[in-house]
Amino acid sequence: MAADDQRYYETFYAIQVDDWDWDFSSKFSNHHKILDKEYISDGCSTTTSSTATATNEFLYPHHIKKTYFIEGVIRGHITLAASACTTTITSYRVGLYKVSSDDPSMDEELCSTGIKTVNSTLVYDGTYNVGEERVYPFWIDVWEEKKLTENERFYLRVEVFSSDNCSALWHSNDATWEDIKIEIPFKL
C-alpha cells in the first residue's frame, strides 16, 4: 500500500449544545447541533433528543486541513426511541454532506446509506413514561474520493421515517452511551 493510500479514521459524536451556537454560510445560522471529536463536560447544558421524523443535521464547524478527501468506508450508528406512544420505525437514511461559505446555495451530498427499511416497532410504556430504544447501524462505501476545501464544512444528516411523530432521535452528551457515532476515513 502506497503512503498516499493511507487513511486516517476520525470518530465524531453528535450532540446538541444549548448555550453555544455556530454560524457557517447561510444554511447554519445560530446552529446548536454539532459533530464533535469528544464529549464535552456532563455539566454543559445540552438537549438529549429531537423529534426523529424531522431532518436532523449535525455540523462539524472546524477546519481539518485546507484541502482533504474522504474515501473508504464510513460507519456508525444512530439511536432511536419511542416517545409518548408506541411507534414503528419504517426506514431511515444517513448522509454526509458538504456546505460552502463561498456559495451558501451549494449544499452537496457526498454519500449516503440510501433508504434503509427496518419496520421495527418501539414500545412506549405510559405507566412509567419510558420508551424502548434501539441502535441502528450504518455503513457507507465511499470508493471515489470526495474533496473538501478550506471554505467547506461537512455535516451529518439523519432522516427517520416512522408511523407517527412519536419517535425520538437521541443525541445526549453522555460518553457511556454513544447515541450517534460516525467514523470517517480521511486522506490528507
N, C-alpha and C. Protein backbone atom coordinates (compact mmCIF):
# COMPACT_ATOMS: atom_id res chain seq x y z
N MET A 1 0.85 -1.17 0.00
CA MET A 1 0.00 0.00 0.00
C MET A 1 0.90 1.24 0.00
N ALA A 2 0.65 2.13 -0.92
CA ALA A 2 1.44 3.36 -1.03
C ALA A 2 1.09 4.31 0.10
N ALA A 3 2.03 5.19 0.41
CA ALA A 3 1.83 6.15 1.50
C ALA A 3 0.63 7.04 1.25
N ASP A 4 0.36 7.38 -0.02
CA ASP A 4 -0.78 8.26 -0.30
C ASP A 4 -2.12 7.54 -0.23
N ASP A 5 -2.08 6.20 -0.05
CA ASP A 5 -3.31 5.44 0.10
C ASP A 5 -3.72 5.28 1.56
N GLN A 6 -2.90 5.75 2.48
CA GLN A 6 -3.19 5.61 3.90
C GLN A 6 -4.39 6.48 4.29
N ARG A 7 -5.28 5.90 5.04
CA ARG A 7 -6.44 6.64 5.52
C ARG A 7 -6.32 6.85 7.03
N TYR A 8 -6.85 7.96 7.44
CA TYR A 8 -6.85 8.31 8.85
C TYR A 8 -8.32 8.35 9.27
N TYR A 9 -8.72 7.48 10.18
CA TYR A 9 -10.11 7.43 10.64
C TYR A 9 -10.29 8.36 11.83
N GLU A 10 -11.31 9.17 11.75
CA GLU A 10 -11.64 10.09 12.84
C GLU A 10 -13.06 9.76 13.31
N THR A 11 -13.25 9.71 14.62
CA THR A 11 -14.56 9.43 15.20
C THR A 11 -15.20 10.72 15.66
N PHE A 12 -16.49 10.87 15.36
CA PHE A 12 -17.26 12.04 15.77
C PHE A 12 -18.53 11.59 16.48
N TYR A 13 -18.98 12.42 17.42
CA TYR A 13 -20.21 12.17 18.16
C TYR A 13 -21.13 13.36 17.93
N ALA A 14 -22.42 13.09 17.81
CA ALA A 14 -23.40 14.15 17.56
C ALA A 14 -24.05 14.56 18.88
N ILE A 15 -24.05 15.86 19.14
CA ILE A 15 -24.69 16.40 20.34
C ILE A 15 -25.39 17.71 19.98
N GLN A 16 -26.26 18.13 20.87
CA GLN A 16 -26.91 19.43 20.73
C GLN A 16 -26.55 20.27 21.94
N VAL A 17 -25.82 21.35 21.69
CA VAL A 17 -25.36 22.25 22.75
C VAL A 17 -26.29 23.46 22.79
N ASP A 18 -26.90 23.70 23.94
CA ASP A 18 -27.91 24.76 24.04
C ASP A 18 -27.33 26.15 24.22
N ASP A 19 -26.23 26.28 24.93
CA ASP A 19 -25.70 27.61 25.28
C ASP A 19 -24.62 28.10 24.34
N TRP A 20 -24.44 27.47 23.21
CA TRP A 20 -23.43 27.87 22.24
C TRP A 20 -24.01 27.62 20.86
N ASP A 21 -23.70 28.48 19.93
CA ASP A 21 -24.18 28.23 18.57
C ASP A 21 -23.09 28.52 17.55
N TRP A 22 -23.28 27.98 16.37
CA TRP A 22 -22.31 28.14 15.28
C TRP A 22 -23.01 28.74 14.09
N ASP A 23 -22.25 29.52 13.34
CA ASP A 23 -22.71 30.08 12.08
C ASP A 23 -21.72 29.65 11.00
N PHE A 24 -22.25 29.07 9.94
CA PHE A 24 -21.42 28.75 8.79
C PHE A 24 -22.30 28.79 7.56
N SER A 25 -22.01 29.70 6.67
CA SER A 25 -22.82 30.00 5.50
C SER A 25 -24.24 30.34 5.97
N SER A 26 -25.12 30.56 5.06
CA SER A 26 -26.48 30.91 5.47
C SER A 26 -27.28 29.67 5.89
N LYS A 27 -26.79 28.50 5.58
CA LYS A 27 -27.50 27.27 5.95
C LYS A 27 -27.49 27.02 7.45
N PHE A 28 -26.36 27.30 8.08
CA PHE A 28 -26.23 27.06 9.52
C PHE A 28 -26.08 28.39 10.23
N SER A 29 -27.19 28.92 10.70
CA SER A 29 -27.20 30.18 11.42
C SER A 29 -27.76 29.92 12.82
N ASN A 30 -27.04 30.32 13.85
CA ASN A 30 -27.43 30.02 15.23
C ASN A 30 -27.70 28.53 15.40
N HIS A 31 -26.79 27.72 14.92
CA HIS A 31 -26.97 26.27 14.89
C HIS A 31 -26.40 25.64 16.16
N HIS A 32 -27.15 24.71 16.75
CA HIS A 32 -26.78 24.09 18.02
C HIS A 32 -26.38 22.62 17.91
N LYS A 33 -26.72 21.97 16.80
CA LYS A 33 -26.42 20.54 16.64
C LYS A 33 -25.08 20.40 15.93
N ILE A 34 -24.14 19.71 16.61
CA ILE A 34 -22.79 19.61 16.06
C ILE A 34 -22.24 18.19 16.14
N LEU A 35 -21.20 17.98 15.36
CA LEU A 35 -20.35 16.80 15.49
C LEU A 35 -19.12 17.24 16.24
N ASP A 36 -18.70 16.47 17.22
CA ASP A 36 -17.50 16.81 17.97
C ASP A 36 -16.66 15.54 18.13
N LYS A 37 -15.36 15.73 18.32
CA LYS A 37 -14.45 14.59 18.44
C LYS A 37 -14.50 13.95 19.82
N GLU A 38 -14.96 14.68 20.81
CA GLU A 38 -15.08 14.15 22.16
C GLU A 38 -16.34 14.73 22.79
N TYR A 39 -16.87 14.00 23.75
CA TYR A 39 -17.99 14.55 24.51
C TYR A 39 -17.48 15.67 25.40
N ILE A 40 -18.30 16.68 25.59
CA ILE A 40 -17.93 17.78 26.47
C ILE A 40 -18.38 17.46 27.89
N SER A 41 -18.10 18.32 28.84
CA SER A 41 -18.42 18.09 30.24
C SER A 41 -19.91 17.79 30.42
N ASP A 42 -20.20 16.83 31.29
CA ASP A 42 -21.59 16.50 31.59
C ASP A 42 -22.35 17.68 32.18
N GLY A 43 -21.63 18.66 32.71
CA GLY A 43 -22.27 19.82 33.30
C GLY A 43 -22.78 20.82 32.29
N CYS A 44 -22.42 20.66 31.02
CA CYS A 44 -22.87 21.60 29.99
C CYS A 44 -24.35 21.40 29.69
N SER A 45 -25.00 22.49 29.37
CA SER A 45 -26.42 22.44 29.02
C SER A 45 -26.57 21.88 27.61
N THR A 46 -27.19 20.72 27.51
CA THR A 46 -27.41 20.09 26.21
C THR A 46 -28.84 19.55 26.14
N THR A 47 -29.28 19.26 24.94
CA THR A 47 -30.57 18.65 24.72
C THR A 47 -30.33 17.19 24.35
N THR A 48 -31.04 16.28 24.99
CA THR A 48 -30.74 14.85 24.82
C THR A 48 -31.38 14.23 23.59
N SER A 49 -32.48 14.81 23.06
CA SER A 49 -33.12 14.19 21.90
C SER A 49 -33.89 15.22 21.09
N SER A 50 -34.21 14.82 19.87
CA SER A 50 -35.02 15.63 18.97
C SER A 50 -36.08 14.74 18.35
N THR A 51 -37.10 15.35 17.77
CA THR A 51 -38.10 14.58 17.05
C THR A 51 -37.40 13.87 15.89
N ALA A 52 -37.52 12.56 15.84
CA ALA A 52 -36.77 11.79 14.84
C ALA A 52 -37.27 12.04 13.43
N THR A 53 -38.56 12.32 13.27
CA THR A 53 -39.10 12.49 11.93
C THR A 53 -38.74 13.82 11.31
N ALA A 54 -38.16 14.72 12.07
CA ALA A 54 -37.61 15.95 11.49
C ALA A 54 -36.25 15.60 10.89
N THR A 55 -35.81 16.39 9.91
CA THR A 55 -34.46 16.20 9.38
C THR A 55 -33.49 16.81 10.37
N ASN A 56 -32.59 16.01 10.91
CA ASN A 56 -31.62 16.48 11.90
C ASN A 56 -30.24 16.56 11.26
N GLU A 57 -29.61 17.73 11.38
CA GLU A 57 -28.31 17.96 10.76
C GLU A 57 -27.29 18.39 11.81
N PHE A 58 -26.14 17.70 11.81
CA PHE A 58 -25.09 17.94 12.79
C PHE A 58 -23.83 18.40 12.05
N LEU A 59 -23.45 19.65 12.26
CA LEU A 59 -22.34 20.29 11.56
C LEU A 59 -21.02 20.04 12.29
N TYR A 60 -19.97 19.76 11.52
CA TYR A 60 -18.62 19.81 12.08
C TYR A 60 -18.08 21.19 11.72
N PRO A 61 -18.04 22.12 12.66
CA PRO A 61 -17.81 23.53 12.34
C PRO A 61 -16.35 23.96 12.22
N HIS A 62 -15.42 23.02 12.26
CA HIS A 62 -14.00 23.38 12.32
C HIS A 62 -13.25 22.98 11.05
N HIS A 63 -12.06 23.57 10.89
CA HIS A 63 -11.17 23.17 9.80
C HIS A 63 -10.54 21.83 10.12
N ILE A 64 -10.28 21.04 9.09
CA ILE A 64 -9.47 19.84 9.25
C ILE A 64 -8.11 20.09 8.60
N LYS A 65 -8.14 20.56 7.39
CA LYS A 65 -6.95 20.93 6.63
C LYS A 65 -7.44 21.76 5.45
N LYS A 66 -6.57 22.50 4.80
CA LYS A 66 -7.02 23.35 3.68
C LYS A 66 -7.75 22.53 2.62
N THR A 67 -7.16 21.44 2.19
CA THR A 67 -7.83 20.54 1.26
C THR A 67 -7.66 19.12 1.79
N TYR A 68 -8.75 18.38 1.82
CA TYR A 68 -8.69 17.00 2.28
C TYR A 68 -9.75 16.18 1.56
N PHE A 69 -9.66 14.88 1.70
CA PHE A 69 -10.54 13.98 0.97
C PHE A 69 -11.15 12.96 1.93
N ILE A 70 -12.34 12.51 1.59
CA ILE A 70 -12.99 11.42 2.30
C ILE A 70 -13.05 10.25 1.33
N GLU A 71 -12.52 9.10 1.76
CA GLU A 71 -12.53 7.92 0.91
C GLU A 71 -12.39 6.68 1.78
N GLY A 72 -13.20 5.68 1.51
CA GLY A 72 -13.16 4.44 2.28
C GLY A 72 -14.55 4.07 2.76
N VAL A 73 -14.64 3.42 3.89
CA VAL A 73 -15.93 3.00 4.45
C VAL A 73 -16.24 3.84 5.68
N ILE A 74 -17.34 4.56 5.62
CA ILE A 74 -17.85 5.31 6.77
C ILE A 74 -18.76 4.36 7.54
N ARG A 75 -18.63 4.37 8.84
CA ARG A 75 -19.52 3.52 9.64
C ARG A 75 -19.94 4.26 10.90
N GLY A 76 -21.05 3.80 11.46
CA GLY A 76 -21.52 4.42 12.68
C GLY A 76 -22.87 3.87 13.08
N HIS A 77 -23.55 4.61 13.93
CA HIS A 77 -24.89 4.20 14.35
C HIS A 77 -25.68 5.41 14.84
N ILE A 78 -27.00 5.24 14.83
CA ILE A 78 -27.92 6.23 15.40
C ILE A 78 -28.78 5.50 16.42
N THR A 79 -29.33 6.24 17.38
CA THR A 79 -30.18 5.66 18.41
C THR A 79 -31.55 6.31 18.35
N LEU A 80 -32.58 5.48 18.21
CA LEU A 80 -33.96 5.95 18.15
C LEU A 80 -34.74 5.37 19.32
N ALA A 81 -35.80 6.06 19.71
CA ALA A 81 -36.62 5.61 20.84
C ALA A 81 -38.07 5.99 20.62
N ALA A 82 -38.96 5.27 21.29
CA ALA A 82 -40.37 5.65 21.32
C ALA A 82 -40.52 6.80 22.31
N SER A 83 -41.32 7.78 21.94
CA SER A 83 -41.51 8.95 22.79
C SER A 83 -42.99 9.32 22.80
N ALA A 84 -43.65 9.14 23.91
CA ALA A 84 -45.06 9.50 24.12
C ALA A 84 -46.04 8.44 23.63
N CYS A 85 -45.65 7.57 22.71
CA CYS A 85 -46.53 6.48 22.28
C CYS A 85 -45.69 5.42 21.56
N THR A 86 -46.26 4.24 21.39
CA THR A 86 -45.58 3.19 20.63
C THR A 86 -45.52 3.61 19.17
N THR A 87 -44.38 3.36 18.54
CA THR A 87 -44.19 3.80 17.15
C THR A 87 -43.50 2.71 16.34
N THR A 88 -43.69 2.76 15.05
CA THR A 88 -42.99 1.86 14.14
C THR A 88 -42.04 2.66 13.28
N ILE A 89 -40.76 2.34 13.38
CA ILE A 89 -39.75 2.96 12.52
C ILE A 89 -39.79 2.18 11.21
N THR A 90 -40.20 2.84 10.13
CA THR A 90 -40.29 2.14 8.85
C THR A 90 -38.95 2.12 8.12
N SER A 91 -38.22 3.25 8.18
CA SER A 91 -36.93 3.31 7.50
C SER A 91 -36.13 4.50 8.00
N TYR A 92 -34.87 4.53 7.62
CA TYR A 92 -34.02 5.68 7.96
C TYR A 92 -32.99 5.87 6.86
N ARG A 93 -32.39 7.04 6.87
CA ARG A 93 -31.37 7.39 5.88
C ARG A 93 -30.33 8.26 6.57
N VAL A 94 -29.06 7.96 6.38
CA VAL A 94 -27.97 8.75 6.94
C VAL A 94 -27.10 9.21 5.78
N GLY A 95 -26.79 10.50 5.75
CA GLY A 95 -25.96 11.03 4.68
C GLY A 95 -24.90 11.98 5.19
N LEU A 96 -23.81 12.07 4.46
CA LEU A 96 -22.75 13.03 4.75
C LEU A 96 -22.78 14.07 3.64
N TYR A 97 -22.82 15.34 4.03
CA TYR A 97 -22.96 16.45 3.08
C TYR A 97 -21.83 17.44 3.30
N LYS A 98 -21.66 18.32 2.31
CA LYS A 98 -20.75 19.44 2.49
C LYS A 98 -21.47 20.72 2.13
N VAL A 99 -21.07 21.80 2.80
CA VAL A 99 -21.64 23.12 2.57
C VAL A 99 -20.47 24.09 2.48
N SER A 100 -20.64 25.13 1.66
CA SER A 100 -19.56 26.09 1.40
C SER A 100 -19.90 27.46 1.95
N SER A 101 -18.89 28.14 2.49
CA SER A 101 -19.09 29.53 2.93
C SER A 101 -19.05 30.48 1.74
N ASP A 102 -18.40 30.07 0.64
CA ASP A 102 -18.33 30.90 -0.56
C ASP A 102 -19.66 30.96 -1.29
N ASP A 103 -20.35 29.84 -1.34
CA ASP A 103 -21.61 29.74 -2.06
C ASP A 103 -22.62 29.02 -1.17
N PRO A 104 -23.38 29.79 -0.37
CA PRO A 104 -24.31 29.17 0.58
C PRO A 104 -25.35 28.26 -0.07
N SER A 105 -25.61 28.46 -1.36
CA SER A 105 -26.59 27.60 -2.01
C SER A 105 -26.00 26.22 -2.32
N MET A 106 -24.66 26.12 -2.28
CA MET A 106 -24.02 24.84 -2.53
C MET A 106 -24.16 23.95 -1.29
N ASP A 107 -24.97 22.97 -1.41
CA ASP A 107 -25.24 22.02 -0.33
C ASP A 107 -25.24 20.66 -1.00
N GLU A 108 -24.12 19.97 -0.95
CA GLU A 108 -23.93 18.78 -1.78
C GLU A 108 -23.85 17.52 -0.94
N GLU A 109 -24.61 16.51 -1.36
CA GLU A 109 -24.50 15.20 -0.72
C GLU A 109 -23.22 14.54 -1.18
N LEU A 110 -22.38 14.14 -0.24
CA LEU A 110 -21.16 13.42 -0.56
C LEU A 110 -21.43 11.92 -0.70
N CYS A 111 -22.26 11.39 0.20
CA CYS A 111 -22.57 9.97 0.20
C CYS A 111 -23.72 9.73 1.17
N SER A 112 -24.38 8.59 1.02
CA SER A 112 -25.46 8.25 1.96
C SER A 112 -25.68 6.75 1.99
N THR A 113 -26.47 6.34 2.96
CA THR A 113 -26.85 4.93 3.09
C THR A 113 -27.94 4.57 2.09
N GLY A 114 -28.63 5.57 1.56
CA GLY A 114 -29.86 5.31 0.85
C GLY A 114 -30.93 5.01 1.90
N ILE A 115 -32.14 4.77 1.48
CA ILE A 115 -33.22 4.45 2.42
C ILE A 115 -33.04 3.01 2.90
N LYS A 116 -32.95 2.85 4.22
CA LYS A 116 -32.81 1.53 4.83
C LYS A 116 -34.13 1.16 5.50
N THR A 117 -34.81 0.16 4.98
CA THR A 117 -36.09 -0.29 5.52
C THR A 117 -35.85 -1.19 6.73
N VAL A 118 -36.53 -0.87 7.84
CA VAL A 118 -36.36 -1.68 9.05
C VAL A 118 -37.68 -2.19 9.62
N ASN A 119 -38.76 -1.42 9.51
CA ASN A 119 -40.07 -1.81 10.03
C ASN A 119 -39.99 -2.41 11.43
N SER A 120 -39.42 -1.66 12.35
CA SER A 120 -39.31 -2.13 13.73
C SER A 120 -40.19 -1.29 14.65
N THR A 121 -40.88 -1.98 15.55
CA THR A 121 -41.77 -1.32 16.49
C THR A 121 -41.03 -1.04 17.79
N LEU A 122 -41.14 0.20 18.26
CA LEU A 122 -40.57 0.60 19.54
C LEU A 122 -41.74 0.88 20.48
N VAL A 123 -41.79 0.16 21.59
CA VAL A 123 -42.92 0.22 22.52
C VAL A 123 -42.72 1.34 23.52
N TYR A 124 -43.82 2.02 23.84
CA TYR A 124 -43.81 3.06 24.87
C TYR A 124 -44.69 2.61 26.03
N ASP A 125 -44.16 2.69 27.24
CA ASP A 125 -44.90 2.31 28.44
C ASP A 125 -45.39 3.59 29.11
N GLY A 126 -46.68 3.88 28.95
CA GLY A 126 -47.26 5.10 29.50
C GLY A 126 -47.32 5.12 31.02
N THR A 127 -47.34 3.95 31.65
CA THR A 127 -47.36 3.88 33.11
C THR A 127 -46.09 4.47 33.71
N TYR A 128 -44.96 4.15 33.10
CA TYR A 128 -43.67 4.61 33.62
C TYR A 128 -43.04 5.71 32.76
N ASN A 129 -43.74 6.10 31.69
CA ASN A 129 -43.22 7.11 30.76
C ASN A 129 -41.83 6.75 30.25
N VAL A 130 -41.70 5.52 29.77
CA VAL A 130 -40.42 5.03 29.26
C VAL A 130 -40.65 4.44 27.88
N GLY A 131 -39.79 4.82 26.95
CA GLY A 131 -39.88 4.29 25.59
C GLY A 131 -38.71 3.37 25.29
N GLU A 132 -39.00 2.34 24.52
CA GLU A 132 -37.96 1.41 24.10
C GLU A 132 -36.97 2.12 23.17
N GLU A 133 -35.69 1.81 23.33
CA GLU A 133 -34.63 2.39 22.48
C GLU A 133 -34.03 1.29 21.62
N ARG A 134 -33.55 1.68 20.45
CA ARG A 134 -32.86 0.73 19.59
C ARG A 134 -31.76 1.46 18.83
N VAL A 135 -30.64 0.77 18.68
CA VAL A 135 -29.50 1.32 17.94
C VAL A 135 -29.52 0.75 16.53
N TYR A 136 -29.41 1.63 15.54
CA TYR A 136 -29.42 1.25 14.13
C TYR A 136 -28.05 1.56 13.52
N PRO A 137 -27.34 0.54 13.05
CA PRO A 137 -26.01 0.77 12.48
C PRO A 137 -26.10 1.22 11.02
N PHE A 138 -25.00 1.79 10.55
CA PHE A 138 -24.92 2.12 9.12
C PHE A 138 -23.48 2.01 8.63
N TRP A 139 -23.36 1.71 7.35
CA TRP A 139 -22.08 1.68 6.64
C TRP A 139 -22.30 2.37 5.31
N ILE A 140 -21.35 3.19 4.91
CA ILE A 140 -21.43 3.88 3.62
C ILE A 140 -20.10 3.68 2.90
N ASP A 141 -20.16 3.10 1.71
CA ASP A 141 -18.95 2.92 0.90
C ASP A 141 -18.69 4.19 0.11
N VAL A 142 -17.51 4.75 0.29
CA VAL A 142 -17.09 5.94 -0.47
C VAL A 142 -15.84 5.54 -1.24
N TRP A 143 -16.03 4.98 -2.43
CA TRP A 143 -14.89 4.47 -3.19
C TRP A 143 -14.29 5.50 -4.11
N GLU A 144 -15.04 6.50 -4.48
CA GLU A 144 -14.48 7.63 -5.23
C GLU A 144 -14.30 8.76 -4.24
N GLU A 145 -13.05 9.21 -4.09
CA GLU A 145 -12.76 10.21 -3.05
C GLU A 145 -13.60 11.46 -3.24
N LYS A 146 -13.99 12.04 -2.11
CA LYS A 146 -14.78 13.27 -2.07
C LYS A 146 -13.88 14.38 -1.53
N LYS A 147 -13.74 15.43 -2.30
CA LYS A 147 -12.83 16.53 -1.95
C LYS A 147 -13.57 17.62 -1.18
N LEU A 148 -12.91 18.12 -0.13
CA LEU A 148 -13.40 19.28 0.60
C LEU A 148 -12.26 20.29 0.70
N THR A 149 -12.62 21.56 0.65
CA THR A 149 -11.62 22.63 0.69
C THR A 149 -11.76 23.43 1.97
N GLU A 150 -10.87 24.41 2.14
CA GLU A 150 -10.85 25.21 3.36
C GLU A 150 -12.13 26.00 3.59
N ASN A 151 -12.91 26.26 2.54
CA ASN A 151 -14.15 27.02 2.68
C ASN A 151 -15.38 26.13 2.78
N GLU A 152 -15.16 24.85 2.99
CA GLU A 152 -16.26 23.90 3.08
C GLU A 152 -16.22 23.17 4.42
N ARG A 153 -17.39 22.82 4.90
CA ARG A 153 -17.52 22.01 6.11
C ARG A 153 -18.42 20.82 5.77
N PHE A 154 -18.28 19.75 6.53
CA PHE A 154 -19.17 18.62 6.32
C PHE A 154 -20.17 18.54 7.47
N TYR A 155 -21.29 17.90 7.18
CA TYR A 155 -22.28 17.68 8.23
C TYR A 155 -23.00 16.37 7.98
N LEU A 156 -23.53 15.83 9.06
CA LEU A 156 -24.27 14.57 9.05
C LEU A 156 -25.76 14.89 9.03
N ARG A 157 -26.47 14.28 8.10
CA ARG A 157 -27.93 14.44 8.05
C ARG A 157 -28.57 13.08 8.37
N VAL A 158 -29.49 13.10 9.33
CA VAL A 158 -30.21 11.89 9.73
C VAL A 158 -31.69 12.11 9.44
N GLU A 159 -32.26 11.21 8.65
CA GLU A 159 -33.68 11.27 8.32
C GLU A 159 -34.32 9.96 8.77
N VAL A 160 -35.42 10.07 9.49
CA VAL A 160 -36.11 8.90 10.01
C VAL A 160 -37.56 8.96 9.57
N PHE A 161 -38.07 7.84 9.13
CA PHE A 161 -39.45 7.75 8.69
C PHE A 161 -40.17 6.76 9.60
N SER A 162 -41.28 7.22 10.21
CA SER A 162 -41.99 6.36 11.15
C SER A 162 -43.49 6.50 10.94
N SER A 163 -44.24 5.67 11.65
CA SER A 163 -45.69 5.63 11.50
C SER A 163 -46.37 6.87 12.08
N ASP A 164 -45.65 7.64 12.89
CA ASP A 164 -46.23 8.83 13.52
C ASP A 164 -45.09 9.72 14.01
N ASN A 165 -45.40 10.72 14.79
CA ASN A 165 -44.37 11.61 15.33
C ASN A 165 -43.96 11.23 16.75
N CYS A 166 -44.07 9.97 17.10
CA CYS A 166 -43.75 9.52 18.46
C CYS A 166 -42.37 8.89 18.56
N SER A 167 -41.48 9.25 17.67
CA SER A 167 -40.12 8.71 17.74
C SER A 167 -39.13 9.83 18.05
N ALA A 168 -38.09 9.47 18.77
CA ALA A 168 -37.06 10.45 19.16
C ALA A 168 -35.70 9.98 18.67
N LEU A 169 -34.91 10.93 18.20
CA LEU A 169 -33.51 10.68 17.84
C LEU A 169 -32.68 11.12 19.03
N TRP A 170 -31.96 10.18 19.64
CA TRP A 170 -31.14 10.52 20.80
C TRP A 170 -29.80 11.10 20.36
N HIS A 171 -29.37 12.15 21.06
CA HIS A 171 -28.05 12.75 20.84
C HIS A 171 -27.55 13.37 22.14
N SER A 172 -27.59 12.58 23.19
CA SER A 172 -27.21 13.10 24.51
C SER A 172 -25.70 13.23 24.63
N ASN A 173 -25.29 14.09 25.53
CA ASN A 173 -23.89 14.35 25.82
C ASN A 173 -23.44 13.38 26.91
N ASP A 174 -23.31 12.10 26.54
CA ASP A 174 -23.01 11.06 27.52
C ASP A 174 -22.11 10.01 26.90
N ALA A 175 -20.86 9.99 27.31
CA ALA A 175 -19.88 9.07 26.73
C ALA A 175 -20.14 7.61 27.08
N THR A 176 -20.96 7.34 28.10
CA THR A 176 -21.22 5.94 28.46
C THR A 176 -22.21 5.29 27.49
N TRP A 177 -23.00 6.08 26.80
CA TRP A 177 -23.95 5.56 25.82
C TRP A 177 -23.88 6.46 24.60
N GLU A 178 -23.14 6.05 23.61
CA GLU A 178 -22.91 6.87 22.42
C GLU A 178 -24.13 6.81 21.51
N ASP A 179 -24.96 7.85 21.54
CA ASP A 179 -26.21 7.85 20.79
C ASP A 179 -25.99 7.91 19.28
N ILE A 180 -25.21 8.87 18.84
CA ILE A 180 -24.89 8.98 17.41
C ILE A 180 -23.37 9.02 17.29
N LYS A 181 -22.86 8.08 16.55
CA LYS A 181 -21.41 7.97 16.37
C LYS A 181 -21.14 7.72 14.89
N ILE A 182 -20.10 8.38 14.37
CA ILE A 182 -19.71 8.17 12.98
C ILE A 182 -18.19 8.17 12.89
N GLU A 183 -17.65 7.20 12.15
CA GLU A 183 -16.21 7.14 11.87
C GLU A 183 -16.01 7.42 10.39
N ILE A 184 -15.18 8.43 10.11
CA ILE A 184 -14.98 8.89 8.73
C ILE A 184 -13.52 8.67 8.33
N PRO A 185 -13.28 8.05 7.15
CA PRO A 185 -11.91 7.85 6.66
C PRO A 185 -11.44 9.06 5.85
N PHE A 186 -10.38 9.70 6.31
CA PHE A 186 -9.83 10.87 5.63
C PHE A 186 -8.52 10.51 4.94
N LYS A 187 -8.30 11.14 3.81
CA LYS A 187 -6.99 11.15 3.15
C LYS A 187 -6.54 12.59 3.18
N LEU A 188 -5.43 12.88 3.84
CA LEU A 188 -4.99 14.26 3.99
C LEU A 188 -3.93 14.63 2.98
